[in-house]
C-alpha atoms as a PDB file:
ATOM      1  CA  MET A   1      -8.393 -63.149  78.479  1.00  0.00           C
ATOM      2  CA  LYS A   2      -6.813 -65.120  81.542  1.00  0.00           C
ATOM      3  CA  THR A   3      -4.129 -62.412  81.647  1.00  0.00           C
ATOM      4  CA  LYS A   4      -6.304 -59.585  81.684  1.00  0.00           C
ATOM      5  CA  LEU A   5      -7.931 -61.353  84.544  1.00  0.00           C
ATOM      6  CA  LYS A   6      -4.963 -62.205  86.332  1.00  0.00           C
ATOM      7  CA  ASN A   7      -4.274 -57.945  85.993  1.00  0.00           C
ATOM      8  CA  VAL A   8      -7.197 -57.059  87.305  1.00  0.00           C
ATOM      9  CA  VAL A   9      -6.953 -59.544  90.268  1.00  0.00           C
ATOM     10  CA  ILE A  10      -3.178 -57.947  91.025  1.00  0.00           C
ATOM     11  CA  ALA A  11      -4.647 -54.291  90.460  1.00  0.00           C
ATOM     12  CA  ALA A  12      -7.418 -54.937  92.984  1.00  0.00           C
ATOM     13  CA  LEU A  13      -4.800 -56.300  95.395  1.00  0.00           C
ATOM     14  CA  CYS A  14      -2.379 -52.979  95.504  1.00  0.00           C
ATOM     15  CA  THR A  15      -5.628 -51.106  95.410  1.00  0.00           C
ATOM     16  CA  ALA A  16      -6.351 -52.824  98.714  1.00  0.00           C
ATOM     17  CA  GLY A  17      -2.430 -52.305  99.554  1.00  0.00           C
ATOM     18  CA  VAL A  18      -1.459 -53.207 103.555  1.00  0.00           C
ATOM     19  CA  ALA A  19      -5.475 -53.042 104.620  1.00  0.00           C
ATOM     20  CA  ASN A  20      -5.453 -56.406 103.021  1.00  0.00           C
ATOM     21  CA  VAL A  21      -2.484 -58.079 104.826  1.00  0.00           C
ATOM     22  CA  TYR A  22      -3.515 -56.926 107.996  1.00  0.00           C
ATOM     23  CA  ALA A  23      -7.633 -57.674 107.338  1.00  0.00           C
ATOM     24  CA  GLN A  24      -9.486 -58.715 110.316  1.00  0.00           C
ATOM     25  CA  GLU A  25     -12.303 -61.073 108.258  1.00  0.00           C
ATOM     26  CA  SER A  26     -11.282 -63.881 107.459  1.00  0.00           C
ATOM     27  CA  ILE A  27     -13.446 -67.133 105.811  1.00  0.00           C
ATOM     28  CA  ASN A  28     -12.601 -70.157 105.333  1.00  0.00           C
ATOM     29  CA  PHE A  29     -13.924 -71.982 101.454  1.00  0.00           C
ATOM     30  CA  VAL A  30     -13.663 -75.417 100.506  1.00  0.00           C
ATOM     31  CA  SER A  31     -14.224 -76.952  97.192  1.00  0.00           C
ATOM     32  CA  TRP A  32     -12.897 -80.204  94.871  1.00  0.00           C
ATOM     33  CA  GLY A  33      -9.299 -79.227  94.702  1.00  0.00           C
ATOM     34  CA  GLY A  34      -7.208 -79.276  91.994  1.00  0.00           C
ATOM     35  CA  SER A  35      -7.739 -76.984  88.133  1.00  0.00           C
ATOM     36  CA  THR A  36     -11.315 -76.133  89.927  1.00  0.00           C
ATOM     37  CA  GLN A  37     -10.131 -74.975  93.243  1.00  0.00           C
ATOM     38  CA  ASP A  38      -7.023 -72.846  91.782  1.00  0.00           C
ATOM     39  CA  ALA A  39      -9.861 -70.993  89.224  1.00  0.00           C
ATOM     40  CA  GLN A  40     -11.859 -70.554  92.456  1.00  0.00           C
ATOM     41  CA  THR A  41      -8.925 -68.838  93.578  1.00  0.00           C
ATOM     42  CA  GLU A  42      -8.015 -66.518  90.821  1.00  0.00           C
ATOM     43  CA  ALA A  43     -12.342 -66.001  89.914  1.00  0.00           C
ATOM     44  CA  TRP A  44     -13.370 -65.038  93.098  1.00  0.00           C
ATOM     45  CA  ALA A  45     -11.029 -65.492  96.010  1.00  0.00           C
ATOM     46  CA  LEU A  46      -7.966 -63.361  95.257  1.00  0.00           C
ATOM     47  CA  PRO A  47     -10.379 -60.362  93.636  1.00  0.00           C
ATOM     48  CA  PHE A  48     -13.233 -60.213  96.418  1.00  0.00           C
ATOM     49  CA  THR A  49     -10.284 -60.383  98.928  1.00  0.00           C
ATOM     50  CA  GLY A  50      -8.417 -57.079  96.766  1.00  0.00           C
ATOM     51  CA  GLU A  51     -11.957 -55.543  96.817  1.00  0.00           C
ATOM     52  CA  THR A  52     -13.138 -56.333 100.657  1.00  0.00           C
ATOM     53  CA  GLY A  53      -9.928 -57.331 102.588  1.00  0.00           C
ATOM     54  CA  ILE A  54     -11.566 -60.369 103.842  1.00  0.00           C
ATOM     55  CA  LYS A  55      -9.302 -63.189 103.574  1.00  0.00           C
ATOM     56  CA  VAL A  56      -9.861 -66.406 101.695  1.00  0.00           C
ATOM     57  CA  ILE A  57      -8.404 -69.299 103.491  1.00  0.00           C
ATOM     58  CA  GLN A  58      -8.700 -72.844 100.986  1.00  0.00           C
ATOM     59  CA  ASP A  59      -9.343 -76.432 102.384  1.00  0.00           C
ATOM     60  CA  GLY A  60     -11.159 -79.160 101.387  1.00  0.00           C
ATOM     61  CA  PRO A  61     -11.752 -81.662  99.629  1.00  0.00           C
ATOM     62  CA  THR A  62     -15.135 -80.608 100.030  1.00  0.00           C
ATOM     63  CA  ASP A  63     -16.534 -84.019 102.549  1.00  0.00           C
ATOM     64  CA  TYR A  64     -20.054 -84.439 103.241  1.00  0.00           C
ATOM     65  CA  GLY A  65     -19.435 -86.049 106.448  1.00  0.00           C
ATOM     66  CA  LYS A  66     -16.933 -84.279 107.809  1.00  0.00           C
ATOM     67  CA  LEU A  67     -19.726 -81.111 107.407  1.00  0.00           C
ATOM     68  CA  LYS A  68     -22.878 -82.872 108.971  1.00  0.00           C
ATOM     69  CA  ALA A  69     -20.445 -83.586 111.864  1.00  0.00           C
ATOM     70  CA  MET A  70     -19.062 -80.108 112.537  1.00  0.00           C
ATOM     71  CA  VAL A  71     -22.425 -78.817 112.832  1.00  0.00           C
ATOM     72  CA  GLU A  72     -23.876 -81.418 114.787  1.00  0.00           C
ATOM     73  CA  SER A  73     -21.321 -81.045 116.819  1.00  0.00           C
ATOM     74  CA  GLY A  74     -21.145 -77.172 117.107  1.00  0.00           C
ATOM     75  CA  ASN A  75     -17.760 -76.663 115.896  1.00  0.00           C
ATOM     76  CA  VAL A  76     -18.018 -75.699 112.833  1.00  0.00           C
ATOM     77  CA  GLN A  77     -14.580 -74.598 110.638  1.00  0.00           C
ATOM     78  CA  TRP A  78     -15.548 -73.923 107.064  1.00  0.00           C
ATOM     79  CA  ASP A  79     -17.385 -71.545 106.423  1.00  0.00           C
ATOM     80  CA  ILE A  80     -18.374 -72.095 102.791  1.00  0.00           C
ATOM     81  CA  VAL A  81     -18.773 -75.421 100.753  1.00  0.00           C
ATOM     82  CA  ASP A  82     -18.955 -76.563  97.250  1.00  0.00           C
ATOM     83  CA  VAL A  83     -21.109 -79.143  96.928  1.00  0.00           C
ATOM     84  CA  GLU A  84     -23.069 -80.952  94.917  1.00  0.00           C
ATOM     85  CA  ALA A  85     -26.915 -80.074  94.482  1.00  0.00           C
ATOM     86  CA  ASP A  86     -28.706 -82.800  95.104  1.00  0.00           C
ATOM     87  CA  PHE A  87     -26.264 -82.654  98.692  1.00  0.00           C
ATOM     88  CA  ALA A  88     -27.292 -79.096  98.851  1.00  0.00           C
ATOM     89  CA  TYR A  89     -30.980 -79.587  98.558  1.00  0.00           C
ATOM     90  CA  ARG A  90     -30.987 -82.446 101.139  1.00  0.00           C
ATOM     91  CA  ALA A  91     -28.793 -80.860 103.390  1.00  0.00           C
ATOM     92  CA  ALA A  92     -31.178 -77.923 103.667  1.00  0.00           C
ATOM     93  CA  ALA A  93     -33.556 -80.232 104.171  1.00  0.00           C
ATOM     94  CA  GLU A  94     -31.834 -82.113 107.501  1.00  0.00           C
ATOM     95  CA  GLY A  95     -31.007 -78.490 109.286  1.00  0.00           C
ATOM     96  CA  LEU A  96     -27.240 -78.392 108.065  1.00  0.00           C
ATOM     97  CA  LEU A  97     -27.149 -74.535 106.519  1.00  0.00           C
ATOM     98  CA  GLU A  98     -27.702 -70.804 106.830  1.00  0.00           C
ATOM     99  CA  PRO A  99     -30.818 -69.520 104.861  1.00  0.00           C
ATOM    100  CA  LEU A 100     -28.704 -67.505 102.014  1.00  0.00           C
ATOM    101  CA  ASP A 101     -29.794 -63.901 102.493  1.00  0.00           C
ATOM    102  CA  PHE A 102     -30.903 -62.316  99.235  1.00  0.00           C
ATOM    103  CA  SER A 103     -30.648 -59.164 100.478  1.00  0.00           C
ATOM    104  CA  VAL A 104     -26.771 -58.866 100.804  1.00  0.00           C
ATOM    105  CA  ILE A 105     -26.268 -61.504  97.611  1.00  0.00           C
ATOM    106  CA  ASP A 106     -28.736 -60.806  94.406  1.00  0.00           C
ATOM    107  CA  LYS A 107     -30.164 -63.238  92.821  1.00  0.00           C
ATOM    108  CA  SER A 108     -31.933 -61.144  90.113  1.00  0.00           C
ATOM    109  CA  ASN A 109     -30.278 -62.434  86.927  1.00  0.00           C
ATOM    110  CA  ILE A 110     -29.435 -66.357  88.200  1.00  0.00           C
ATOM    111  CA  ASP A 111     -31.038 -68.518  86.367  1.00  0.00           C
ATOM    112  CA  PRO A 112     -33.634 -69.936  88.567  1.00  0.00           C
ATOM    113  CA  ARG A 113     -32.166 -73.803  88.265  1.00  0.00           C
ATOM    114  CA  PHE A 114     -29.335 -73.223  90.135  1.00  0.00           C
ATOM    115  CA  VAL A 115     -30.716 -71.139  92.871  1.00  0.00           C
ATOM    116  CA  SER A 116     -32.719 -72.585  95.908  1.00  0.00           C
ATOM    117  CA  ASP A 117     -33.202 -70.363  99.687  1.00  0.00           C
ATOM    118  CA  TYR A 118     -29.715 -72.074 100.916  1.00  0.00           C
ATOM    119  CA  GLY A 119     -27.626 -72.356  98.118  1.00  0.00           C
ATOM    120  CA  ILE A 120     -26.608 -70.664  95.007  1.00  0.00           C
ATOM    121  CA  GLY A 121     -24.704 -72.235  92.287  1.00  0.00           C
ATOM    122  CA  SER A 122     -21.411 -72.558  91.640  1.00  0.00           C
ATOM    123  CA  PHE A 123     -21.413 -73.151  87.956  1.00  0.00           C
ATOM    124  CA  TYR A 124     -22.684 -75.465  86.054  1.00  0.00           C
ATOM    125  CA  PHE A 125     -21.171 -78.356  84.098  1.00  0.00           C
ATOM    126  CA  SER A 126     -22.111 -81.362  81.993  1.00  0.00           C
ATOM    127  CA  PHE A 127     -20.865 -85.147  83.223  1.00  0.00           C
ATOM    128  CA  VAL A 128     -18.757 -85.949  79.333  1.00  0.00           C
ATOM    129  CA  LEU A 129     -17.476 -89.140  77.795  1.00  0.00           C
ATOM    130  CA  ALA A 130     -13.612 -88.073  77.186  1.00  0.00           C
ATOM    131  CA  TYR A 131     -11.101 -90.699  76.260  1.00  0.00           C
ATOM    132  CA  ASN A 132      -6.617 -90.496  76.151  1.00  0.00           C
ATOM    133  CA  LYS A 133      -6.175 -90.822  72.416  1.00  0.00           C
ATOM    134  CA  SER A 134      -3.063 -92.588  72.445  1.00  0.00           C
ATOM    135  CA  LYS A 135      -5.219 -95.898  74.020  1.00  0.00           C
ATOM    136  CA  LEU A 136      -7.596 -95.961  71.508  1.00  0.00           C
ATOM    137  CA  PRO A 137      -6.599 -95.696  68.306  1.00  0.00           C
ATOM    138  CA  SER A 138      -9.620 -98.018  67.348  1.00  0.00           C
ATOM    139  CA  GLY A 139     -11.709 -95.200  67.099  1.00  0.00           C
ATOM    140  CA  GLU A 140     -13.230 -91.606  68.872  1.00  0.00           C
ATOM    141  CA  PRO A 141     -16.406 -93.059  70.975  1.00  0.00           C
ATOM    142  CA  GLN A 142     -19.653 -90.994  70.497  1.00  0.00           C
ATOM    143  CA  ASN A 143     -21.487 -91.429  74.060  1.00  0.00           C
ATOM    144  CA  TRP A 144     -21.859 -93.899  76.169  1.00  0.00           C
ATOM    145  CA  ASN A 145     -22.349 -97.228  74.674  1.00  0.00           C
ATOM    146  CA  ALA A 146     -18.768 -96.878  74.736  1.00  0.00           C
ATOM    147  CA  LEU A 147     -18.023 -97.779  77.793  1.00  0.00           C
ATOM    148  CA  PHE A 148     -19.878-100.916  77.408  1.00  0.00           C
ATOM    149  CA  ASP A 149     -18.174-101.575  74.221  1.00  0.00           C
ATOM    150  CA  THR A 150     -15.214-103.186  75.776  1.00  0.00           C
ATOM    151  CA  LYS A 151     -14.333-105.127  72.694  1.00  0.00           C
ATOM    152  CA  THR A 152     -13.972-102.183  70.275  1.00  0.00           C
ATOM    153  CA  TYR A 153     -12.670 -99.774  72.807  1.00  0.00           C
ATOM    154  CA  PRO A 154     -10.856-101.958  75.458  1.00  0.00           C
ATOM    155  CA  GLY A 155      -8.954-100.770  78.607  1.00  0.00           C
ATOM    156  CA  LYS A 156     -10.092 -99.735  81.937  1.00  0.00           C
ATOM    157  CA  ARG A 157     -12.611 -96.947  82.364  1.00  0.00           C
ATOM    158  CA  ALA A 158     -13.252 -94.473  84.829  1.00  0.00           C
ATOM    159  CA  LEU A 159     -16.725 -93.344  86.631  1.00  0.00           C
ATOM    160  CA  TYR A 160     -17.309 -91.443  89.339  1.00  0.00           C
ATOM    161  CA  LYS A 161     -17.551 -93.479  92.435  1.00  0.00           C
ATOM    162  CA  TRP A 162     -19.926 -91.861  94.506  1.00  0.00           C
ATOM    163  CA  PRO A 163     -24.303 -92.704  94.367  1.00  0.00           C
ATOM    164  CA  SER A 164     -25.437 -89.436  93.010  1.00  0.00           C
ATOM    165  CA  PRO A 165     -26.694 -88.554  89.515  1.00  0.00           C
ATOM    166  CA  GLY A 166     -25.061 -89.267  87.131  1.00  0.00           C
ATOM    167  CA  VAL A 167     -23.399 -92.744  86.492  1.00  0.00           C
ATOM    168  CA  LEU A 168     -26.881 -94.702  86.835  1.00  0.00           C
ATOM    169  CA  GLU A 169     -28.575 -92.543  84.929  1.00  0.00           C
ATOM    170  CA  LEU A 170     -25.569 -92.913  82.139  1.00  0.00           C
ATOM    171  CA  ALA A 171     -25.949 -97.171  82.313  1.00  0.00           C
ATOM    172  CA  LEU A 172     -29.174 -96.720  81.801  1.00  0.00           C
ATOM    173  CA  LEU A 173     -28.705 -94.692  78.804  1.00  0.00           C
ATOM    174  CA  ALA A 174     -26.648 -96.931  76.862  1.00  0.00           C
ATOM    175  CA  ASP A 175     -29.433 -99.832  77.629  1.00  0.00           C
ATOM    176  CA  GLY A 176     -31.904 -97.603  75.606  1.00  0.00           C
ATOM    177  CA  VAL A 177     -33.748 -95.854  77.833  1.00  0.00           C
ATOM    178  CA  PRO A 178     -35.711 -92.410  76.403  1.00  0.00           C
ATOM    179  CA  ALA A 179     -33.961 -90.051  78.656  1.00  0.00           C
ATOM    180  CA  ALA A 180     -37.580 -88.539  79.185  1.00  0.00           C
ATOM    181  CA  ASN A 181     -38.349 -91.484  80.495  1.00  0.00           C
ATOM    182  CA  LEU A 182     -35.252 -91.676  82.990  1.00  0.00           C
ATOM    183  CA  TYR A 183     -37.025 -90.938  86.469  1.00  0.00           C
ATOM    184  CA  PRO A 184     -37.806 -92.377  88.513  1.00  0.00           C
ATOM    185  CA  LEU A 185     -34.911 -94.804  87.740  1.00  0.00           C
ATOM    186  CA  ASP A 186     -34.719 -98.375  87.336  1.00  0.00           C
ATOM    187  CA  LEU A 187     -32.320 -99.819  89.475  1.00  0.00           C
ATOM    188  CA  GLU A 188     -32.454-103.120  88.850  1.00  0.00           C
ATOM    189  CA  ARG A 189     -31.994-102.026  84.962  1.00  0.00           C
ATOM    190  CA  ALA A 190     -28.878 -99.831  85.297  1.00  0.00           C
ATOM    191  CA  PHE A 191     -26.985-102.118  87.885  1.00  0.00           C
ATOM    192  CA  LYS A 192     -27.612-105.129  85.716  1.00  0.00           C
ATOM    193  CA  LYS A 193     -25.446-103.005  83.025  1.00  0.00           C
ATOM    194  CA  LEU A 194     -22.527-101.969  85.526  1.00  0.00           C
ATOM    195  CA  ASP A 195     -21.903-105.567  86.065  1.00  0.00           C
ATOM    196  CA  THR A 196     -20.811-105.604  82.217  1.00  0.00           C
ATOM    197  CA  ILE A 197     -17.492-103.497  83.399  1.00  0.00           C
ATOM    198  CA  LYS A 198     -17.786-103.935  86.784  1.00  0.00           C
ATOM    199  CA  LYS A 199     -14.064-105.592  86.195  1.00  0.00           C
ATOM    200  CA  ASP A 200     -12.798-103.045  84.261  1.00  0.00           C
ATOM    201  CA  ILE A 201     -14.398 -99.845  86.913  1.00  0.00           C
ATOM    202  CA  VAL A 202     -12.106 -97.724  87.982  1.00  0.00           C
ATOM    203  CA  TRP A 203     -13.322 -95.027  90.497  1.00  0.00           C
ATOM    204  CA  TRP A 204     -12.852 -91.561  90.873  1.00  0.00           C
ATOM    205  CA  GLY A 205     -13.972 -89.087  93.942  1.00  0.00           C
ATOM    206  CA  GLY A 206     -12.336 -85.925  92.957  1.00  0.00           C
ATOM    207  CA  GLY A 207     -11.591 -83.864  90.296  1.00  0.00           C
ATOM    208  CA  ALA A 208      -8.099 -83.921  90.515  1.00  0.00           C
ATOM    209  CA  GLN A 209      -7.956 -88.143  90.566  1.00  0.00           C
ATOM    210  CA  SER A 210      -9.868 -88.170  87.439  1.00  0.00           C
ATOM    211  CA  GLN A 211      -7.693 -86.318  85.547  1.00  0.00           C
ATOM    212  CA  GLN A 212      -4.447 -88.268  86.431  1.00  0.00           C
ATOM    213  CA  LEU A 213      -5.990 -91.658  85.584  1.00  0.00           C
ATOM    214  CA  LEU A 214      -6.828 -90.095  81.938  1.00  0.00           C
ATOM    215  CA  ALA A 215      -3.454 -88.099  81.335  1.00  0.00           C
ATOM    216  CA  SER A 216      -1.853 -91.065  82.954  1.00  0.00           C
ATOM    217  CA  GLY A 217      -3.805 -93.542  80.595  1.00  0.00           C
ATOM    218  CA  GLU A 218      -4.238 -95.936  84.069  1.00  0.00           C
ATOM    219  CA  VAL A 219      -7.706 -95.327  82.415  1.00  0.00           C
ATOM    220  CA  ALA A 220      -8.653 -95.222  78.431  1.00  0.00           C
ATOM    221  CA  LEU A 221     -12.111 -93.653  78.541  1.00  0.00           C
ATOM    222  CA  GLY A 222     -14.813 -92.423  80.768  1.00  0.00           C
ATOM    223  CA  GLN A 223     -17.293 -90.040  82.865  1.00  0.00           C
ATOM    224  CA  PHE A 224     -15.523 -86.823  83.424  1.00  0.00           C
ATOM    225  CA  TRP A 225     -16.486 -83.166  84.442  1.00  0.00           C
ATOM    226  CA  ASN A 226     -16.242 -81.591  81.043  1.00  0.00           C
ATOM    227  CA  GLY A 227     -14.218 -78.224  82.605  1.00  0.00           C
ATOM    228  CA  ARG A 228     -11.506 -80.907  83.709  1.00  0.00           C
ATOM    229  CA  ILE A 229     -11.243 -82.331  80.041  1.00  0.00           C
ATOM    230  CA  PHE A 230     -10.775 -78.641  78.874  1.00  0.00           C
ATOM    231  CA  SER A 231      -7.630 -78.351  81.913  1.00  0.00           C
ATOM    232  CA  LEU A 232      -6.007 -81.434  80.167  1.00  0.00           C
ATOM    233  CA  GLN A 233      -6.603 -80.105  76.356  1.00  0.00           C
ATOM    234  CA  ALA A 234      -5.215 -76.359  77.445  1.00  0.00           C
ATOM    235  CA  ASP A 235      -2.431 -78.270  78.395  1.00  0.00           C
ATOM    236  CA  GLY A 236      -1.493 -80.351  75.405  1.00  0.00           C
ATOM    237  CA  LEU A 237      -2.695 -83.574  77.020  1.00  0.00           C
ATOM    238  CA  PRO A 238      -3.969 -86.031  73.565  1.00  0.00           C
ATOM    239  CA  VAL A 239      -7.165 -86.311  75.655  1.00  0.00           C
ATOM    240  CA  GLY A 240     -11.045 -86.126  73.035  1.00  0.00           C
ATOM    241  CA  ILE A 241     -14.134 -85.583  74.613  1.00  0.00           C
ATOM    242  CA  SER A 242     -17.408 -86.019  73.422  1.00  0.00           C
ATOM    243  CA  TRP A 243     -20.719 -84.029  74.001  1.00  0.00           C
ATOM    244  CA  LYS A 244     -23.694 -86.594  73.195  1.00  0.00           C
ATOM    245  CA  GLN A 245     -25.953 -87.139  76.355  1.00  0.00           C
ATOM    246  CA  ASN A 246     -23.442 -84.828  78.358  1.00  0.00           C
ATOM    247  CA  LEU A 247     -25.138 -84.713  81.836  1.00  0.00           C
ATOM    248  CA  VAL A 248     -26.138 -81.468  83.289  1.00  0.00           C
ATOM    249  CA  MET A 249     -25.686 -81.009  87.184  1.00  0.00           C
ATOM    250  CA  SER A 250     -24.487 -78.210  88.716  1.00  0.00           C
ATOM    251  CA  ASP A 251     -22.585 -77.519  92.033  1.00  0.00           C
ATOM    252  CA  PHE A 252     -23.837 -75.340  94.610  1.00  0.00           C
ATOM    253  CA  LEU A 253     -22.336 -73.384  97.633  1.00  0.00           C
ATOM    254  CA  VAL A 254     -23.360 -73.578 100.719  1.00  0.00           C
ATOM    255  CA  ILE A 255     -23.098 -72.331 104.565  1.00  0.00           C
ATOM    256  CA  PRO A 256     -22.476 -74.325 106.740  1.00  0.00           C
ATOM    257  CA  LYS A 257     -25.056 -73.634 110.191  1.00  0.00           C
ATOM    258  CA  GLY A 258     -22.872 -72.200 112.478  1.00  0.00           C
ATOM    259  CA  ALA A 259     -20.215 -70.786 110.207  1.00  0.00           C
ATOM    260  CA  LYS A 260     -18.936 -68.405 112.354  1.00  0.00           C
ATOM    261  CA  ASN A 261     -18.128 -65.999 109.488  1.00  0.00           C
ATOM    262  CA  LYS A 262     -21.599 -65.955 108.023  1.00  0.00           C
ATOM    263  CA  GLY A 263     -21.547 -62.072 107.033  1.00  0.00           C
ATOM    264  CA  ALA A 264     -19.077 -62.820 105.517  1.00  0.00           C
ATOM    265  CA  ALA A 265     -19.352 -65.495 103.367  1.00  0.00           C
ATOM    266  CA  MET A 266     -22.799 -63.681 102.261  1.00  0.00           C
ATOM    267  CA  LYS A 267     -20.511 -61.206 100.694  1.00  0.00           C
ATOM    268  CA  PHE A 268     -18.438 -63.450  99.421  1.00  0.00           C
ATOM    269  CA  LEU A 269     -21.508 -65.769  97.506  1.00  0.00           C
ATOM    270  CA  ALA A 270     -22.555 -62.423  96.333  1.00  0.00           C
ATOM    271  CA  TYR A 271     -18.874 -61.842  94.270  1.00  0.00           C
ATOM    272  CA  SER A 272     -18.758 -65.363  93.214  1.00  0.00           C
ATOM    273  CA  SER A 273     -22.287 -65.079  91.807  1.00  0.00           C
ATOM    274  CA  SER A 274     -22.359 -61.929  90.079  1.00  0.00           C
ATOM    275  CA  ALA A 275     -21.976 -61.501  86.129  1.00  0.00           C
ATOM    276  CA  GLN A 276     -18.221 -60.858  86.182  1.00  0.00           C
ATOM    277  CA  GLY A 277     -17.474 -63.404  88.990  1.00  0.00           C
ATOM    278  CA  GLN A 278     -19.075 -65.983  86.816  1.00  0.00           C
ATOM    279  CA  ALA A 279     -17.436 -64.722  83.909  1.00  0.00           C
ATOM    280  CA  ASP A 280     -13.848 -64.594  84.853  1.00  0.00           C
ATOM    281  CA  PHE A 281     -14.313 -68.761  86.239  1.00  0.00           C
ATOM    282  CA  ALA A 282     -15.844 -69.663  83.110  1.00  0.00           C
ATOM    283  CA  THR A 283     -13.337 -68.128  80.578  1.00  0.00           C
ATOM    284  CA  ILE A 284     -10.612 -70.106  82.973  1.00  0.00           C
ATOM    285  CA  THR A 285     -12.309 -73.460  83.116  1.00  0.00           C
ATOM    286  CA  ALA A 286     -15.149 -74.043  80.828  1.00  0.00           C
ATOM    287  CA  TYR A 287     -17.903 -74.041  83.404  1.00  0.00           C
ATOM    288  CA  SER A 288     -21.443 -72.614  82.482  1.00  0.00           C
ATOM    289  CA  PRO A 289     -21.795 -69.478  84.717  1.00  0.00           C
ATOM    290  CA  ILE A 290     -25.368 -69.699  86.436  1.00  0.00           C
ATOM    291  CA  ASN A 291     -25.736 -65.471  85.573  1.00  0.00           C
ATOM    292  CA  THR A 292     -27.688 -64.563  82.931  1.00  0.00           C
ATOM    293  CA  GLY A 293     -25.522 -61.833  82.520  1.00  0.00           C
ATOM    294  CA  SER A 294     -22.023 -63.617  82.028  1.00  0.00           C
ATOM    295  CA  GLU A 295     -22.601 -64.411  78.837  1.00  0.00           C
ATOM    296  CA  GLU A 296     -21.855 -61.183  77.024  1.00  0.00           C
ATOM    297  CA  LEU A 297     -18.909 -60.218  78.963  1.00  0.00           C
ATOM    298  CA  LEU A 298     -17.564 -64.057  77.570  1.00  0.00           C
ATOM    299  CA  ASP A 299     -15.019 -63.636  74.646  1.00  0.00           C
ATOM    300  CA  GLU A 300     -16.314 -65.757  71.637  1.00  0.00           C
ATOM    301  CA  GLY A 301     -13.895 -68.590  71.349  1.00  0.00           C
ATOM    302  CA  LEU A 302     -15.193 -69.943  74.731  1.00  0.00           C
ATOM    303  CA  ALA A 303     -18.435 -71.323  73.478  1.00  0.00           C
ATOM    304  CA  ALA A 304     -17.530 -74.553  71.471  1.00  0.00           C
ATOM    305  CA  TYR A 305     -16.127 -75.957  74.943  1.00  0.00           C
ATOM    306  CA  LEU A 306     -18.598 -75.183  77.511  1.00  0.00           C
ATOM    307  CA  PRO A 307     -22.404 -77.113  77.720  1.00  0.00           C
ATOM    308  CA  THR A 308     -24.326 -74.224  77.188  1.00  0.00           C
ATOM    309  CA  ASN A 309     -23.297 -74.798  73.553  1.00  0.00           C
ATOM    310  CA  TYR A 310     -24.322 -78.067  73.355  1.00  0.00           C
ATOM    311  CA  THR A 311     -27.762 -78.211  74.742  1.00  0.00           C
ATOM    312  CA  ASN A 312     -29.415 -80.261  71.628  1.00  0.00           C
ATOM    313  CA  ASP A 313     -27.670 -83.428  73.251  1.00  0.00           C
ATOM    314  CA  GLN A 314     -27.738 -82.375  76.683  1.00  0.00           C
ATOM    315  CA  VAL A 315     -29.789 -84.568  79.254  1.00  0.00           C
ATOM    316  CA  SER A 316     -30.774 -82.869  82.628  1.00  0.00           C
ATOM    317  CA  LEU A 317     -29.832 -85.016  85.887  1.00  0.00           C
ATOM    318  CA  ASP A 318     -33.129 -84.737  87.830  1.00  0.00           C
ATOM    319  CA  TYR A 319     -31.404 -83.039  91.350  1.00  0.00           C
ATOM    320  CA  ARG A 320     -34.484 -82.993  93.788  1.00  0.00           C
ATOM    321  CA  TYR A 321     -35.267 -86.644  93.225  1.00  0.00           C
ATOM    322  CA  TRP A 322     -31.396 -87.318  94.496  1.00  0.00           C
ATOM    323  CA  ALA A 323     -31.952 -85.633  96.943  1.00  0.00           C
ATOM    324  CA  GLU A 324     -35.459 -87.193  98.182  1.00  0.00           C
ATOM    325  CA  ASN A 325     -34.182 -90.802  96.868  1.00  0.00           C
ATOM    326  CA  GLY A 326     -30.211 -90.815  97.339  1.00  0.00           C
ATOM    327  CA  PRO A 327     -29.475 -92.337 101.071  1.00  0.00           C
ATOM    328  CA  GLU A 328     -31.698 -95.007  99.757  1.00  0.00           C
ATOM    329  CA  ILE A 329     -29.882 -95.160  96.830  1.00  0.00           C
ATOM    330  CA  ALA A 330     -26.523 -94.859  98.004  1.00  0.00           C
ATOM    331  CA  GLN A 331     -27.365 -97.888 100.739  1.00  0.00           C
ATOM    332  CA  ARG A 332     -28.046 -99.986  97.434  1.00  0.00           C
ATOM    333  CA  TRP A 333     -25.185 -98.871  95.391  1.00  0.00           C
ATOM    334  CA  ASN A 334     -22.443 -99.396  98.768  1.00  0.00           C
ATOM    335  CA  ASN A 335     -23.752-103.089  98.883  1.00  0.00           C
ATOM    336  CA  TRP A 336     -23.346-103.710  94.735  1.00  0.00           C
ATOM    337  CA  LEU A 337     -19.819-102.028  94.844  1.00  0.00           C
ATOM    338  CA  LEU A 338     -18.939-104.525  98.487  1.00  0.00           C
ATOM    339  CA  LYS A 339     -20.373-107.697  95.611  1.00  0.00           C
END
């Protein structure tokens, strides 16, 4: 399927011919780097350029502070930014984003969980428990409890360093809080649980860094984006994954307020969120498509690697809660990290 996709990309570029080389329009696309952004380039950017003649310039990694500074200064260099869903809602409320044009973007088949007036899903994913098999001869960890069991599962733990959905929830789940009772978050309880392994945590801030930590054996296990583990497994590395209590989240694609190439950016969002665009991206990454029409375009063998195959073990993260409470939690988070 991946080879077929590459052939489609090459054909599209050849069809566009010389016009692409001299394209007058371009957009700056910002994402998280590593294998995810490589896949966004292959599945979306290259065929989009082949189809429209609009050049897609890659930049990154995503930086919320930089996005905000650009908008506030009036000097916006980015046209499309891949952000976490809670930030998309918060940024919209703060006036940092352009409203989307749904006369250009067809949202009729988009899962309503992953579209708003100011953002549309890039993909949806799960935070999963993953581990380096060579570092854990004692067996395979089953759920988030393993992160806090340093006797059975010794070694460093990798956790996402940003104060956003994920870490606090998994700490509460490991401490016995039922998934249905996670919100509002019991911060005291969550930080108390994290205190028990604080000295063993290695923090990661981007997907490429998380992959390096696990692949190198610097960490034995931890919290990861499922697609990053799929990529490591595809490369033949000795990593395992547990889907128990997988934490469902989404990235959104947004257009910063004042983007210089807003019209072209809307066209790109229409392409990336299409059934084919989402299916192509899912095929490469094992992140789930946000377009309900993509499923029929996917190979059956891919299902085992997609979060949509593990709905019985899923816990939905409440990014609207985080959009409202994130800044307050972030202050508490940063104070805790400095202790």
